[in-house]
Amino acid sequence: LTPFTISNQSISIAFWIQLSQPSGVIMTVANGLDCLLMIGVRHVDQRLIVYLPNATVNGGNVILVGSKMMLNAWTHVAFTWSEDY
């Protein structure tokens, strides 16, 4: 089981962003039924958050906490996911 329901495949996402608000959802990746990946900025401390529902073999969620995002500054964000058995 993978968050993208593609067995033995990796995914990479990279983009530049300039935040004008201190929090919110930046990107959601979904199929017709489920949210597969969400990237956003946490309100309390402006840290980048990546949420992967059902990302583990037993169906658990994975939440990754990244660096603090600066307002009105261009930031490069890169995320890579791969199954590891």
N, C-alpha and C. Protein backbone atom coordinates (compact mmCIF):
# COMPACT_ATOMS: atom_id res chain seq x y z
N LEU A 1 0.85 -1.19 0.00
CA LEU A 1 0.00 0.00 0.00
C LEU A 1 0.88 1.24 0.00
N THR A 2 0.62 2.15 -0.87
CA THR A 2 1.33 3.42 -0.91
C THR A 2 0.32 4.54 -0.92
N PRO A 3 0.73 5.74 -0.58
CA PRO A 3 -0.25 6.83 -0.60
C PRO A 3 -0.77 7.13 -2.00
N PHE A 4 -0.05 6.74 -3.02
CA PHE A 4 -0.48 7.02 -4.39
C PHE A 4 -1.01 5.78 -5.09
N THR A 5 -1.16 4.70 -4.36
CA THR A 5 -1.67 3.41 -4.85
C THR A 5 -0.96 2.95 -6.12
N ILE A 6 0.31 3.27 -6.21
CA ILE A 6 1.14 2.79 -7.31
C ILE A 6 2.29 2.05 -6.66
N SER A 7 2.24 0.74 -6.67
CA SER A 7 3.22 -0.06 -5.98
C SER A 7 4.62 0.09 -6.58
N ASN A 8 5.61 0.18 -5.73
CA ASN A 8 7.03 0.24 -6.12
C ASN A 8 7.37 1.43 -7.01
N GLN A 9 6.70 2.54 -6.83
CA GLN A 9 6.99 3.74 -7.60
C GLN A 9 7.31 4.89 -6.65
N SER A 10 8.17 5.77 -7.10
CA SER A 10 8.52 6.96 -6.33
C SER A 10 7.81 8.16 -6.93
N ILE A 11 7.75 9.24 -6.15
CA ILE A 11 7.18 10.48 -6.65
C ILE A 11 8.03 11.63 -6.12
N SER A 12 8.22 12.64 -6.94
CA SER A 12 8.90 13.86 -6.54
C SER A 12 8.06 15.05 -6.99
N ILE A 13 7.97 16.04 -6.11
CA ILE A 13 7.25 17.27 -6.41
C ILE A 13 8.18 18.41 -6.05
N ALA A 14 8.33 19.37 -6.94
CA ALA A 14 9.17 20.54 -6.64
C ALA A 14 8.49 21.78 -7.22
N PHE A 15 8.54 22.87 -6.46
CA PHE A 15 7.95 24.12 -6.92
C PHE A 15 8.53 25.29 -6.13
N TRP A 16 8.38 26.46 -6.68
CA TRP A 16 8.73 27.71 -6.00
C TRP A 16 7.43 28.33 -5.52
N ILE A 17 7.47 28.96 -4.32
CA ILE A 17 6.28 29.61 -3.78
C ILE A 17 6.67 30.89 -3.05
N GLN A 18 5.80 31.87 -3.15
CA GLN A 18 5.96 33.10 -2.39
C GLN A 18 4.67 33.28 -1.57
N LEU A 19 4.77 33.07 -0.26
CA LEU A 19 3.60 33.15 0.61
C LEU A 19 3.22 34.60 0.87
N SER A 20 1.93 34.89 0.75
CA SER A 20 1.43 36.22 1.10
C SER A 20 0.54 36.16 2.34
N GLN A 21 0.25 34.94 2.83
CA GLN A 21 -0.52 34.73 4.04
C GLN A 21 0.28 33.83 4.97
N PRO A 22 0.07 33.92 6.29
CA PRO A 22 0.88 33.13 7.22
C PRO A 22 0.51 31.65 7.30
N SER A 23 -0.58 31.20 6.69
CA SER A 23 -0.93 29.78 6.76
C SER A 23 -1.89 29.42 5.65
N GLY A 24 -2.06 28.11 5.47
CA GLY A 24 -3.04 27.62 4.52
C GLY A 24 -2.52 26.45 3.71
N VAL A 25 -3.38 25.89 2.91
CA VAL A 25 -3.04 24.77 2.05
C VAL A 25 -2.40 25.31 0.78
N ILE A 26 -1.26 24.72 0.43
CA ILE A 26 -0.56 25.11 -0.80
C ILE A 26 -0.97 24.20 -1.95
N MET A 27 -1.00 22.88 -1.68
CA MET A 27 -1.26 21.92 -2.75
C MET A 27 -1.94 20.69 -2.18
N THR A 28 -2.91 20.18 -2.92
CA THR A 28 -3.54 18.90 -2.59
C THR A 28 -3.49 18.03 -3.83
N VAL A 29 -3.04 16.79 -3.65
CA VAL A 29 -3.04 15.81 -4.73
C VAL A 29 -4.09 14.76 -4.36
N ALA A 30 -5.03 14.52 -5.28
CA ALA A 30 -6.11 13.58 -5.00
C ALA A 30 -6.49 12.82 -6.25
N ASN A 31 -7.04 11.63 -6.02
CA ASN A 31 -7.66 10.92 -7.14
C ASN A 31 -9.16 11.16 -7.03
N GLY A 32 -9.97 10.43 -7.69
CA GLY A 32 -11.41 10.65 -7.64
C GLY A 32 -12.06 10.33 -6.31
N LEU A 33 -11.35 9.60 -5.43
CA LEU A 33 -11.95 9.15 -4.18
C LEU A 33 -11.29 9.70 -2.92
N ASP A 34 -9.98 9.88 -2.93
CA ASP A 34 -9.25 10.18 -1.71
C ASP A 34 -8.24 11.29 -1.89
N CYS A 35 -7.93 11.96 -0.77
CA CYS A 35 -6.79 12.87 -0.71
C CYS A 35 -5.54 11.99 -0.59
N LEU A 36 -4.56 12.22 -1.43
CA LEU A 36 -3.35 11.40 -1.43
C LEU A 36 -2.16 12.12 -0.81
N LEU A 37 -2.17 13.44 -0.87
CA LEU A 37 -1.05 14.23 -0.37
C LEU A 37 -1.54 15.66 -0.18
N MET A 38 -1.16 16.28 0.94
CA MET A 38 -1.47 17.68 1.15
C MET A 38 -0.22 18.37 1.67
N ILE A 39 0.09 19.52 1.07
CA ILE A 39 1.21 20.34 1.51
C ILE A 39 0.64 21.69 1.92
N GLY A 40 1.03 22.16 3.10
CA GLY A 40 0.51 23.43 3.58
C GLY A 40 1.45 24.08 4.58
N VAL A 41 1.00 25.18 5.13
CA VAL A 41 1.77 25.93 6.12
C VAL A 41 0.95 25.99 7.41
N ARG A 42 1.57 25.56 8.51
CA ARG A 42 0.90 25.52 9.81
C ARG A 42 0.78 26.94 10.38
N HIS A 43 -0.41 27.27 10.89
CA HIS A 43 -0.71 28.63 11.36
C HIS A 43 0.15 29.05 12.57
N VAL A 44 0.36 28.16 13.52
CA VAL A 44 1.01 28.55 14.78
C VAL A 44 2.46 28.98 14.62
N ASP A 45 3.18 28.41 13.63
CA ASP A 45 4.61 28.75 13.51
C ASP A 45 5.09 28.87 12.06
N GLN A 46 4.19 28.87 11.11
CA GLN A 46 4.47 29.03 9.68
C GLN A 46 5.45 27.96 9.15
N ARG A 47 5.40 26.76 9.73
CA ARG A 47 6.25 25.67 9.24
C ARG A 47 5.53 24.91 8.12
N LEU A 48 6.32 24.48 7.15
CA LEU A 48 5.80 23.68 6.05
C LEU A 48 5.38 22.31 6.59
N ILE A 49 4.21 21.83 6.20
CA ILE A 49 3.68 20.54 6.64
C ILE A 49 3.33 19.72 5.41
N VAL A 50 3.73 18.45 5.43
CA VAL A 50 3.31 17.51 4.39
C VAL A 50 2.51 16.41 5.09
N TYR A 51 1.31 16.14 4.60
CA TYR A 51 0.43 15.13 5.18
C TYR A 51 0.15 14.07 4.13
N LEU A 52 0.45 12.82 4.50
CA LEU A 52 0.20 11.67 3.61
C LEU A 52 -0.74 10.70 4.33
N PRO A 53 -2.03 10.72 4.02
CA PRO A 53 -2.95 9.78 4.66
C PRO A 53 -2.74 8.37 4.14
N ASN A 54 -2.88 7.39 5.01
CA ASN A 54 -2.75 5.97 4.66
C ASN A 54 -1.42 5.66 3.98
N ALA A 55 -0.34 6.24 4.47
CA ALA A 55 0.96 6.13 3.80
C ALA A 55 1.80 4.94 4.27
N THR A 56 1.42 4.31 5.35
CA THR A 56 2.21 3.19 5.84
C THR A 56 1.56 1.87 5.46
N VAL A 57 2.29 0.80 5.61
CA VAL A 57 1.80 -0.53 5.25
C VAL A 57 0.52 -0.87 6.02
N ASN A 58 0.44 -0.44 7.30
CA ASN A 58 -0.76 -0.74 8.09
C ASN A 58 -1.82 0.35 8.00
N GLY A 59 -1.69 1.29 7.06
CA GLY A 59 -2.71 2.30 6.83
C GLY A 59 -2.58 3.56 7.67
N GLY A 60 -1.45 3.72 8.36
CA GLY A 60 -1.25 4.91 9.19
C GLY A 60 -0.92 6.15 8.36
N ASN A 61 -1.15 7.29 8.97
CA ASN A 61 -0.86 8.57 8.32
C ASN A 61 0.58 8.98 8.62
N VAL A 62 1.16 9.77 7.73
CA VAL A 62 2.50 10.32 7.94
C VAL A 62 2.37 11.84 7.86
N ILE A 63 2.93 12.53 8.87
CA ILE A 63 2.96 13.99 8.88
C ILE A 63 4.41 14.41 9.00
N LEU A 64 4.88 15.18 8.05
CA LEU A 64 6.26 15.68 8.04
C LEU A 64 6.23 17.18 8.33
N VAL A 65 7.10 17.62 9.23
CA VAL A 65 7.18 19.04 9.58
C VAL A 65 8.49 19.57 9.05
N GLY A 66 8.42 20.62 8.25
CA GLY A 66 9.61 21.19 7.62
C GLY A 66 10.01 22.52 8.20
N SER A 67 10.70 23.27 7.41
CA SER A 67 11.25 24.57 7.80
C SER A 67 10.17 25.64 7.91
N LYS A 68 10.51 26.69 8.65
CA LYS A 68 9.63 27.84 8.75
C LYS A 68 9.62 28.58 7.42
N MET A 69 8.43 28.93 6.95
CA MET A 69 8.27 29.63 5.69
C MET A 69 8.24 31.13 5.96
N MET A 70 8.94 31.88 5.16
CA MET A 70 8.98 33.34 5.31
C MET A 70 7.93 33.97 4.39
N LEU A 71 7.26 35.00 4.88
CA LEU A 71 6.28 35.71 4.07
C LEU A 71 6.98 36.59 3.04
N ASN A 72 6.37 36.69 1.86
CA ASN A 72 6.83 37.56 0.77
C ASN A 72 8.27 37.28 0.33
N ALA A 73 8.72 36.05 0.47
CA ALA A 73 10.04 35.65 0.00
C ALA A 73 9.87 34.37 -0.82
N TRP A 74 10.56 34.28 -1.95
CA TRP A 74 10.48 33.07 -2.77
C TRP A 74 11.22 31.93 -2.08
N THR A 75 10.57 30.77 -1.99
CA THR A 75 11.13 29.59 -1.36
C THR A 75 10.96 28.40 -2.29
N HIS A 76 12.01 27.61 -2.44
CA HIS A 76 11.92 26.39 -3.24
C HIS A 76 11.53 25.25 -2.32
N VAL A 77 10.49 24.51 -2.71
CA VAL A 77 10.01 23.37 -1.93
C VAL A 77 10.17 22.13 -2.80
N ALA A 78 10.78 21.08 -2.23
CA ALA A 78 10.94 19.81 -2.94
C ALA A 78 10.56 18.69 -2.00
N PHE A 79 9.82 17.71 -2.50
CA PHE A 79 9.35 16.58 -1.71
C PHE A 79 9.50 15.32 -2.54
N THR A 80 10.07 14.29 -1.94
CA THR A 80 10.22 12.99 -2.60
C THR A 80 9.69 11.90 -1.69
N TRP A 81 8.91 10.96 -2.26
CA TRP A 81 8.39 9.84 -1.50
C TRP A 81 8.74 8.56 -2.23
N SER A 82 9.17 7.56 -1.47
CA SER A 82 9.47 6.25 -2.04
C SER A 82 9.14 5.18 -1.03
N GLU A 83 8.60 4.07 -1.50
CA GLU A 83 8.37 2.92 -0.61
C GLU A 83 9.69 2.36 -0.16
N ASP A 84 9.76 1.90 1.06
CA ASP A 84 10.97 1.29 1.58
C ASP A 84 10.59 0.05 2.37
N TYR A 85 10.92 -1.09 1.87
CA TYR A 85 10.60 -2.34 2.58
C TYR A 85 11.83 -2.92 3.18
